[in-house]
Amino acid sequence: QLIVVRKDQSFAVATVQVTVDNQRPTATILQPQPRATFRANDESIVIQPRVEDNFRIDRVEFIVDGANVHTATVPPYAYRWKITGAGDHTIFVKVYDGAGNSAESERVTVTVIR
């Protein structure tokens, strides 16, 4: 309950429903698989996470080699990352819920060969 002070200094009591969300969302990478190998001529890699929350997902950030390459705000939360060069690349996602709680998926390293 809230006690409200009006402009004329009188008081009123109001009841307000409040939902507290302090539970973090969860995120896992479904695709690509850890240690997967791609060829540079594949052109892109699909990043497919599974994200869950007890209320709602606000956004999912797709991180490749430390840089945010895409942010998704509506499902399906997937992204086709354009391959930027040969070598090892580390991929993960960071998910935020509507209350601002966040979580990161595991890091997945893939290799791109020429």
C-alpha atoms as a PDB file:
ATOM      1  CA  GLN A   1       0.000   0.000   0.000  1.00  0.00           C
ATOM      2  CA  LEU A   2       1.015   3.569  -0.647  1.00  0.00           C
ATOM      3  CA  ILE A   3       0.097   6.640   1.314  1.00  0.00           C
ATOM      4  CA  VAL A   4      -0.553   9.530  -1.051  1.00  0.00           C
ATOM      5  CA  VAL A   5      -0.291  13.168   0.051  1.00  0.00           C
ATOM      6  CA  ARG A   6      -2.533  15.362  -2.046  1.00  0.00           C
ATOM      7  CA  LYS A   7      -1.835  19.006  -2.915  1.00  0.00           C
ATOM      8  CA  ASP A   8      -4.251  20.123  -0.171  1.00  0.00           C
ATOM      9  CA  GLN A   9      -2.154  18.063   2.319  1.00  0.00           C
ATOM     10  CA  SER A  10      -4.878  15.448   2.826  1.00  0.00           C
ATOM     11  CA  PHE A  11      -3.918  11.765   2.742  1.00  0.00           C
ATOM     12  CA  ALA A  12      -5.201   8.837   0.744  1.00  0.00           C
ATOM     13  CA  VAL A  13      -4.248   5.171   0.720  1.00  0.00           C
ATOM     14  CA  ALA A  14      -3.707   3.394  -2.593  1.00  0.00           C
ATOM     15  CA  THR A  15      -2.980  -0.257  -3.287  1.00  0.00           C
ATOM     16  CA  VAL A  16      -0.622  -0.972  -6.165  1.00  0.00           C
ATOM     17  CA  GLN A  17       0.344  -4.387  -7.524  1.00  0.00           C
ATOM     18  CA  VAL A  18       4.145  -4.640  -7.806  1.00  0.00           C
ATOM     19  CA  THR A  19       6.065  -7.480  -9.420  1.00  0.00           C
ATOM     20  CA  VAL A  20       9.674  -7.898  -8.360  1.00  0.00           C
ATOM     21  CA  ASP A  21      11.905  -9.696 -10.845  1.00  0.00           C
ATOM     22  CA  ASN A  22      15.344 -10.448  -9.503  1.00  0.00           C
ATOM     23  CA  GLN A  23      15.761 -13.749 -11.324  1.00  0.00           C
ATOM     24  CA  ARG A  24      18.333 -13.694 -14.100  1.00  0.00           C
ATOM     25  CA  PRO A  25      17.444 -14.991 -17.561  1.00  0.00           C
ATOM     26  CA  THR A  26      19.332 -17.960 -19.013  1.00  0.00           C
ATOM     27  CA  ALA A  27      21.136 -18.363 -22.318  1.00  0.00           C
ATOM     28  CA  THR A  28      22.774 -21.265 -24.110  1.00  0.00           C
ATOM     29  CA  ILE A  29      24.200 -21.538 -27.628  1.00  0.00           C
ATOM     30  CA  LEU A  30      22.449 -24.191 -29.740  1.00  0.00           C
ATOM     31  CA  GLN A  31      24.352 -23.388 -32.955  1.00  0.00           C
ATOM     32  CA  PRO A  32      27.179 -23.345 -33.868  1.00  0.00           C
ATOM     33  CA  GLN A  33      28.591 -26.318 -32.009  1.00  0.00           C
ATOM     34  CA  PRO A  34      31.841 -25.834 -30.053  1.00  0.00           C
ATOM     35  CA  ARG A  35      34.974 -26.399 -32.137  1.00  0.00           C
ATOM     36  CA  ALA A  36      32.969 -26.466 -35.394  1.00  0.00           C
ATOM     37  CA  THR A  37      34.932 -25.776 -38.563  1.00  0.00           C
ATOM     38  CA  PHE A  38      33.652 -23.598 -41.398  1.00  0.00           C
ATOM     39  CA  ARG A  39      35.151 -22.554 -44.713  1.00  0.00           C
ATOM     40  CA  ALA A  40      35.601 -18.886 -45.605  1.00  0.00           C
ATOM     41  CA  ASN A  41      33.465 -19.438 -48.704  1.00  0.00           C
ATOM     42  CA  ASP A  42      30.534 -20.468 -46.432  1.00  0.00           C
ATOM     43  CA  GLU A  43      30.136 -16.675 -46.099  1.00  0.00           C
ATOM     44  CA  SER A  44      28.156 -16.779 -42.829  1.00  0.00           C
ATOM     45  CA  ILE A  45      27.525 -18.713 -39.628  1.00  0.00           C
ATOM     46  CA  VAL A  46      24.078 -18.942 -38.031  1.00  0.00           C
ATOM     47  CA  ILE A  47      24.153 -18.159 -34.307  1.00  0.00           C
ATOM     48  CA  GLN A  48      21.119 -19.739 -32.627  1.00  0.00           C
ATOM     49  CA  PRO A  49      20.773 -19.332 -28.858  1.00  0.00           C
ATOM     50  CA  ARG A  50      18.069 -20.574 -26.504  1.00  0.00           C
ATOM     51  CA  VAL A  51      17.102 -17.777 -24.103  1.00  0.00           C
ATOM     52  CA  GLU A  52      14.550 -18.002 -21.305  1.00  0.00           C
ATOM     53  CA  ASP A  53      13.200 -15.767 -18.561  1.00  0.00           C
ATOM     54  CA  ASN A  54      10.480 -16.034 -15.936  1.00  0.00           C
ATOM     55  CA  PHE A  55       8.733 -12.887 -17.293  1.00  0.00           C
ATOM     56  CA  ARG A  56      10.027 -11.522 -20.614  1.00  0.00           C
ATOM     57  CA  ILE A  57      13.139 -11.120 -22.722  1.00  0.00           C
ATOM     58  CA  ASP A  58      14.069  -7.525 -23.538  1.00  0.00           C
ATOM     59  CA  ARG A  59      16.976  -8.124 -25.919  1.00  0.00           C
ATOM     60  CA  VAL A  60      19.705 -10.533 -26.943  1.00  0.00           C
ATOM     61  CA  GLU A  61      23.153  -9.275 -27.912  1.00  0.00           C
ATOM     62  CA  PHE A  62      25.292 -11.398 -30.235  1.00  0.00           C
ATOM     63  CA  ILE A  63      28.996 -11.066 -29.432  1.00  0.00           C
ATOM     64  CA  VAL A  64      31.740 -12.258 -31.803  1.00  0.00           C
ATOM     65  CA  ASP A  65      35.395 -11.780 -30.885  1.00  0.00           C
ATOM     66  CA  GLY A  66      34.414  -9.302 -28.155  1.00  0.00           C
ATOM     67  CA  ALA A  67      32.294  -7.057 -30.408  1.00  0.00           C
ATOM     68  CA  ASN A  68      28.508  -6.752 -30.346  1.00  0.00           C
ATOM     69  CA  VAL A  69      27.632  -7.630 -33.950  1.00  0.00           C
ATOM     70  CA  HIS A  70      23.833  -7.659 -33.583  1.00  0.00           C
ATOM     71  CA  THR A  71      21.042  -6.997 -31.080  1.00  0.00           C
ATOM     72  CA  ALA A  72      17.691  -8.785 -31.420  1.00  0.00           C
ATOM     73  CA  THR A  73      14.603  -7.510 -29.602  1.00  0.00           C
ATOM     74  CA  VAL A  74      11.976  -9.890 -30.984  1.00  0.00           C
ATOM     75  CA  PRO A  75      11.973 -13.667 -31.439  1.00  0.00           C
ATOM     76  CA  PRO A  76      13.264 -15.685 -33.058  1.00  0.00           C
ATOM     77  CA  TYR A  77      16.539 -14.708 -31.458  1.00  0.00           C
ATOM     78  CA  ALA A  78      18.981 -15.802 -34.166  1.00  0.00           C
ATOM     79  CA  TYR A  79      21.578 -14.067 -36.279  1.00  0.00           C
ATOM     80  CA  ARG A  80      23.497 -14.892 -39.449  1.00  0.00           C
ATOM     81  CA  TRP A  81      27.018 -13.593 -38.802  1.00  0.00           C
ATOM     82  CA  LYS A  82      29.021 -12.746 -41.933  1.00  0.00           C
ATOM     83  CA  ILE A  83      32.409 -14.438 -41.702  1.00  0.00           C
ATOM     84  CA  THR A  84      35.102 -11.781 -41.400  1.00  0.00           C
ATOM     85  CA  GLY A  85      38.193 -13.918 -41.959  1.00  0.00           C
ATOM     86  CA  ALA A  86      40.013 -17.160 -41.340  1.00  0.00           C
ATOM     87  CA  GLY A  87      41.057 -18.263 -37.874  1.00  0.00           C
ATOM     88  CA  ASP A  88      39.410 -18.921 -34.532  1.00  0.00           C
ATOM     89  CA  HIS A  89      36.361 -16.870 -33.544  1.00  0.00           C
ATOM     90  CA  THR A  90      34.696 -16.777 -30.118  1.00  0.00           C
ATOM     91  CA  ILE A  91      30.922 -16.430 -30.011  1.00  0.00           C
ATOM     92  CA  PHE A  92      28.491 -15.862 -27.147  1.00  0.00           C
ATOM     93  CA  VAL A  93      25.221 -14.076 -26.421  1.00  0.00           C
ATOM     94  CA  LYS A  94      24.163 -11.788 -23.616  1.00  0.00           C
ATOM     95  CA  VAL A  95      20.469 -11.740 -22.745  1.00  0.00           C
ATOM     96  CA  TYR A  96      18.601  -9.043 -20.799  1.00  0.00           C
ATOM     97  CA  ASP A  97      15.154  -9.364 -19.283  1.00  0.00           C
ATOM     98  CA  GLY A  98      12.558  -6.622 -18.840  1.00  0.00           C
ATOM     99  CA  ALA A  99      13.830  -5.791 -15.346  1.00  0.00           C
ATOM    100  CA  GLY A 100      17.423  -5.314 -16.516  1.00  0.00           C
ATOM    101  CA  ASN A 101      18.756  -8.629 -15.203  1.00  0.00           C
ATOM    102  CA  SER A 102      21.284 -10.187 -17.556  1.00  0.00           C
ATOM    103  CA  ALA A 103      23.187 -13.397 -18.212  1.00  0.00           C
ATOM    104  CA  GLU A 104      25.785 -14.595 -20.679  1.00  0.00           C
ATOM    105  CA  SER A 105      25.907 -17.893 -22.519  1.00  0.00           C
ATOM    106  CA  GLU A 106      28.940 -20.108 -22.622  1.00  0.00           C
ATOM    107  CA  ARG A 107      31.659 -19.096 -25.070  1.00  0.00           C
ATOM    108  CA  VAL A 108      31.815 -21.164 -28.256  1.00  0.00           C
ATOM    109  CA  THR A 109      34.956 -21.133 -30.360  1.00  0.00           C
ATOM    110  CA  VAL A 110      34.707 -21.970 -34.061  1.00  0.00           C
ATOM    111  CA  THR A 111      37.410 -22.159 -36.690  1.00  0.00           C
ATOM    112  CA  VAL A 112      37.185 -20.692 -40.172  1.00  0.00           C
ATOM    113  CA  ILE A 113      39.605 -22.107 -42.739  1.00  0.00           C
ATOM    114  CA  ARG A 114      40.366 -20.770 -46.222  1.00  0.00           C
END
